[in-house]
């Protein structure tokens, strides 16, 4: 009986631990959509220098917060290049935004990663290339 109870407790802890881990959504890249039904159009991961880039992602859960953090990294060395906060509705579960680096702050050709954070938890990530 004790062995059954122990095994049951271990299984419960393992299942609870697995359920507590949130899924990281894939960020997609492309062009801004003028239609509310589409988060973006012309999905792709390669862009030219100074080209507008739209990022979009859908979470399995509502954001439950009024602000998300967006971090831009150089993929080759994980160097944080820029970060900014975006305002969101706590009831939203998807987000899209268009950005472009200024001419003074132009991204060099290479691979980059965007990560989206809710507080300190990474909830979205994706990579794109500038050629």
C-alpha atoms as a PDB file:
ATOM      1  CA  UNK A   1       0.000   0.000   0.000  1.00  0.00           C
ATOM      2  CA  UNK A   2       2.836   2.413   0.869  1.00  0.00           C
ATOM      3  CA  UNK A   3       4.552   1.598  -2.401  1.00  0.00           C
ATOM      4  CA  UNK A   4       1.354   2.360  -4.351  1.00  0.00           C
ATOM      5  CA  UNK A   5       0.942   5.650  -2.485  1.00  0.00           C
ATOM      6  CA  UNK A   6       4.580   6.604  -3.176  1.00  0.00           C
ATOM      7  CA  UNK A   7       4.286   5.782  -6.889  1.00  0.00           C
ATOM      8  CA  UNK A   8       1.020   7.730  -7.106  1.00  0.00           C
ATOM      9  CA  UNK A   9       2.616  10.772  -5.483  1.00  0.00           C
ATOM     10  CA  UNK A  10       5.631  10.624  -7.817  1.00  0.00           C
ATOM     11  CA  UNK A  11       3.357  10.405 -10.875  1.00  0.00           C
ATOM     12  CA  UNK A  12       1.277  13.357  -9.603  1.00  0.00           C
ATOM     13  CA  UNK A  13       4.382  15.500  -9.066  1.00  0.00           C
ATOM     14  CA  UNK A  14       5.742  14.633 -12.501  1.00  0.00           C
ATOM     15  CA  UNK A  15       2.442  15.442 -14.192  1.00  0.00           C
ATOM     16  CA  UNK A  16       2.045  18.677 -12.257  1.00  0.00           C
ATOM     17  CA  UNK A  17       5.599  19.720 -13.130  1.00  0.00           C
ATOM     18  CA  UNK A  18       5.095  19.058 -16.809  1.00  0.00           C
ATOM     19  CA  UNK A  19       1.805  20.923 -16.854  1.00  0.00           C
ATOM     20  CA  UNK A  20       3.303  23.982 -15.157  1.00  0.00           C
ATOM     21  CA  UNK A  21       5.819  24.562 -17.929  1.00  0.00           C
ATOM     22  CA  UNK A  22       4.429  27.019 -20.471  1.00  0.00           C
ATOM     23  CA  UNK A  23       4.941  26.581 -24.193  1.00  0.00           C
ATOM     24  CA  UNK A  24       7.047  29.122 -26.039  1.00  0.00           C
ATOM     25  CA  UNK A  25       5.177  30.349 -29.127  1.00  0.00           C
ATOM     26  CA  UNK A  26       6.925  30.625 -32.484  1.00  0.00           C
ATOM     27  CA  UNK A  27       7.257  34.187 -33.738  1.00  0.00           C
ATOM     28  CA  UNK A  28       6.557  34.485 -37.451  1.00  0.00           C
ATOM     29  CA  UNK A  29       7.898  37.244 -39.691  1.00  0.00           C
ATOM     30  CA  UNK A  30       6.621  38.828 -42.881  1.00  0.00           C
ATOM     31  CA  UNK A  31       4.765  41.939 -44.046  1.00  0.00           C
ATOM     32  CA  UNK A  32       2.150  44.025 -42.231  1.00  0.00           C
ATOM     33  CA  UNK A  33      -1.439  43.053 -43.005  1.00  0.00           C
ATOM     34  CA  UNK A  34      -4.167  45.650 -43.452  1.00  0.00           C
ATOM     35  CA  UNK A  35      -6.787  42.967 -42.655  1.00  0.00           C
ATOM     36  CA  UNK A  36      -7.725  42.356 -39.020  1.00  0.00           C
ATOM     37  CA  UNK A  37      -8.066  38.607 -39.626  1.00  0.00           C
ATOM     38  CA  UNK A  38      -4.405  38.252 -40.619  1.00  0.00           C
ATOM     39  CA  UNK A  39      -1.547  38.915 -38.201  1.00  0.00           C
ATOM     40  CA  UNK A  40       0.818  39.253 -41.183  1.00  0.00           C
ATOM     41  CA  UNK A  41       1.102  38.411 -44.882  1.00  0.00           C
ATOM     42  CA  UNK A  42       3.910  37.124 -47.098  1.00  0.00           C
ATOM     43  CA  UNK A  43       5.419  35.068 -44.269  1.00  0.00           C
ATOM     44  CA  UNK A  44       9.183  34.731 -44.594  1.00  0.00           C
ATOM     45  CA  UNK A  45      12.348  34.935 -42.526  1.00  0.00           C
ATOM     46  CA  UNK A  46      14.732  36.792 -44.861  1.00  0.00           C
ATOM     47  CA  UNK A  47      14.694  40.571 -45.319  1.00  0.00           C
ATOM     48  CA  UNK A  48      16.808  43.251 -46.967  1.00  0.00           C
ATOM     49  CA  UNK A  49      18.553  46.047 -45.075  1.00  0.00           C
ATOM     50  CA  UNK A  50      16.093  48.857 -44.150  1.00  0.00           C
ATOM     51  CA  UNK A  51      13.072  46.713 -45.053  1.00  0.00           C
ATOM     52  CA  UNK A  52      10.063  46.849 -42.721  1.00  0.00           C
ATOM     53  CA  UNK A  53       9.661  43.646 -40.707  1.00  0.00           C
ATOM     54  CA  UNK A  54       6.405  42.502 -39.161  1.00  0.00           C
ATOM     55  CA  UNK A  55       6.568  40.054 -36.283  1.00  0.00           C
ATOM     56  CA  UNK A  56       3.532  38.127 -35.085  1.00  0.00           C
ATOM     57  CA  UNK A  57       2.814  35.368 -32.613  1.00  0.00           C
ATOM     58  CA  UNK A  58      -0.103  33.634 -30.984  1.00  0.00           C
ATOM     59  CA  UNK A  59       0.022  32.357 -27.418  1.00  0.00           C
ATOM     60  CA  UNK A  60      -2.002  29.405 -26.188  1.00  0.00           C
ATOM     61  CA  UNK A  61      -3.063  31.554 -23.199  1.00  0.00           C
ATOM     62  CA  UNK A  62      -4.219  35.136 -22.745  1.00  0.00           C
ATOM     63  CA  UNK A  63      -1.336  37.479 -21.942  1.00  0.00           C
ATOM     64  CA  UNK A  64      -2.783  38.454 -18.557  1.00  0.00           C
ATOM     65  CA  UNK A  65      -0.613  41.567 -18.453  1.00  0.00           C
ATOM     66  CA  UNK A  66      -0.591  45.079 -19.923  1.00  0.00           C
ATOM     67  CA  UNK A  67       3.024  45.013 -21.144  1.00  0.00           C
ATOM     68  CA  UNK A  68       5.336  42.589 -22.945  1.00  0.00           C
ATOM     69  CA  UNK A  69       9.078  42.938 -23.406  1.00  0.00           C
ATOM     70  CA  UNK A  70      10.601  42.501 -26.860  1.00  0.00           C
ATOM     71  CA  UNK A  71      14.317  41.683 -27.077  1.00  0.00           C
ATOM     72  CA  UNK A  72      16.433  41.708 -30.240  1.00  0.00           C
ATOM     73  CA  UNK A  73      19.571  39.536 -30.209  1.00  0.00           C
ATOM     74  CA  UNK A  74      22.394  38.863 -32.649  1.00  0.00           C
ATOM     75  CA  UNK A  75      21.919  35.108 -33.142  1.00  0.00           C
ATOM     76  CA  UNK A  76      25.609  34.254 -33.571  1.00  0.00           C
ATOM     77  CA  UNK A  77      26.621  35.367 -30.060  1.00  0.00           C
ATOM     78  CA  UNK A  78      23.280  36.014 -28.272  1.00  0.00           C
ATOM     79  CA  UNK A  79      24.262  39.663 -27.768  1.00  0.00           C
ATOM     80  CA  UNK A  80      21.279  41.796 -26.756  1.00  0.00           C
ATOM     81  CA  UNK A  81      21.107  44.608 -29.324  1.00  0.00           C
ATOM     82  CA  UNK A  82      17.877  46.320 -28.320  1.00  0.00           C
ATOM     83  CA  UNK A  83      14.827  45.876 -26.142  1.00  0.00           C
ATOM     84  CA  UNK A  84      11.517  47.662 -25.836  1.00  0.00           C
ATOM     85  CA  UNK A  85       8.165  47.251 -24.124  1.00  0.00           C
ATOM     86  CA  UNK A  86       4.848  47.011 -25.958  1.00  0.00           C
ATOM     87  CA  UNK A  87       1.410  47.719 -24.535  1.00  0.00           C
ATOM     88  CA  UNK A  88      -1.097  44.890 -24.835  1.00  0.00           C
ATOM     89  CA  UNK A  89      -4.562  44.089 -23.543  1.00  0.00           C
ATOM     90  CA  UNK A  90      -4.498  41.397 -20.818  1.00  0.00           C
ATOM     91  CA  UNK A  91      -7.260  39.531 -22.715  1.00  0.00           C
ATOM     92  CA  UNK A  92      -5.228  39.301 -25.931  1.00  0.00           C
ATOM     93  CA  UNK A  93      -3.501  36.062 -26.885  1.00  0.00           C
ATOM     94  CA  UNK A  94      -1.908  37.290 -30.121  1.00  0.00           C
ATOM     95  CA  UNK A  95       0.254  40.235 -31.094  1.00  0.00           C
ATOM     96  CA  UNK A  96       1.735  41.706 -34.266  1.00  0.00           C
ATOM     97  CA  UNK A  97       3.966  44.700 -34.782  1.00  0.00           C
ATOM     98  CA  UNK A  98       5.987  46.256 -37.562  1.00  0.00           C
ATOM     99  CA  UNK A  99       9.481  47.559 -36.978  1.00  0.00           C
ATOM    100  CA  UNK A 100      12.400  48.867 -38.966  1.00  0.00           C
ATOM    101  CA  UNK A 101      15.844  49.792 -37.835  1.00  0.00           C
ATOM    102  CA  UNK A 102      16.744  53.392 -38.440  1.00  0.00           C
ATOM    103  CA  UNK A 103      19.487  54.231 -40.910  1.00  0.00           C
ATOM    104  CA  UNK A 104      21.732  55.169 -37.998  1.00  0.00           C
ATOM    105  CA  UNK A 105      21.022  51.880 -36.261  1.00  0.00           C
ATOM    106  CA  UNK A 106      20.946  49.645 -39.339  1.00  0.00           C
ATOM    107  CA  UNK A 107      21.181  45.907 -38.780  1.00  0.00           C
ATOM    108  CA  UNK A 108      24.105  44.351 -40.564  1.00  0.00           C
ATOM    109  CA  UNK A 109      23.579  41.277 -42.721  1.00  0.00           C
ATOM    110  CA  UNK A 110      23.242  38.208 -40.515  1.00  0.00           C
ATOM    111  CA  UNK A 111      20.853  36.207 -38.389  1.00  0.00           C
ATOM    112  CA  UNK A 112      18.851  37.748 -35.536  1.00  0.00           C
ATOM    113  CA  UNK A 113      16.528  36.465 -32.866  1.00  0.00           C
ATOM    114  CA  UNK A 114      13.488  38.148 -31.335  1.00  0.00           C
ATOM    115  CA  UNK A 115      12.276  36.983 -27.932  1.00  0.00           C
ATOM    116  CA  UNK A 116       9.084  38.157 -26.259  1.00  0.00           C
ATOM    117  CA  UNK A 117       8.816  38.140 -22.484  1.00  0.00           C
ATOM    118  CA  UNK A 118       5.937  38.306 -20.050  1.00  0.00           C
ATOM    119  CA  UNK A 119       7.630  39.507 -16.864  1.00  0.00           C
ATOM    120  CA  UNK A 120      10.723  37.261 -16.848  1.00  0.00           C
ATOM    121  CA  UNK A 121       9.181  34.317 -18.742  1.00  0.00           C
ATOM    122  CA  UNK A 122       9.980  33.874 -22.423  1.00  0.00           C
ATOM    123  CA  UNK A 123       6.650  33.340 -24.199  1.00  0.00           C
ATOM    124  CA  UNK A 124       7.694  33.777 -27.841  1.00  0.00           C
ATOM    125  CA  UNK A 125      10.811  33.411 -29.979  1.00  0.00           C
ATOM    126  CA  UNK A 126      11.807  33.422 -33.610  1.00  0.00           C
ATOM    127  CA  UNK A 127      14.742  34.072 -35.947  1.00  0.00           C
ATOM    128  CA  UNK A 128      15.085  36.136 -39.094  1.00  0.00           C
ATOM    129  CA  UNK A 129      17.925  36.987 -41.472  1.00  0.00           C
ATOM    130  CA  UNK A 130      19.049  40.291 -42.967  1.00  0.00           C
ATOM    131  CA  UNK A 131      20.835  39.902 -46.283  1.00  0.00           C
END
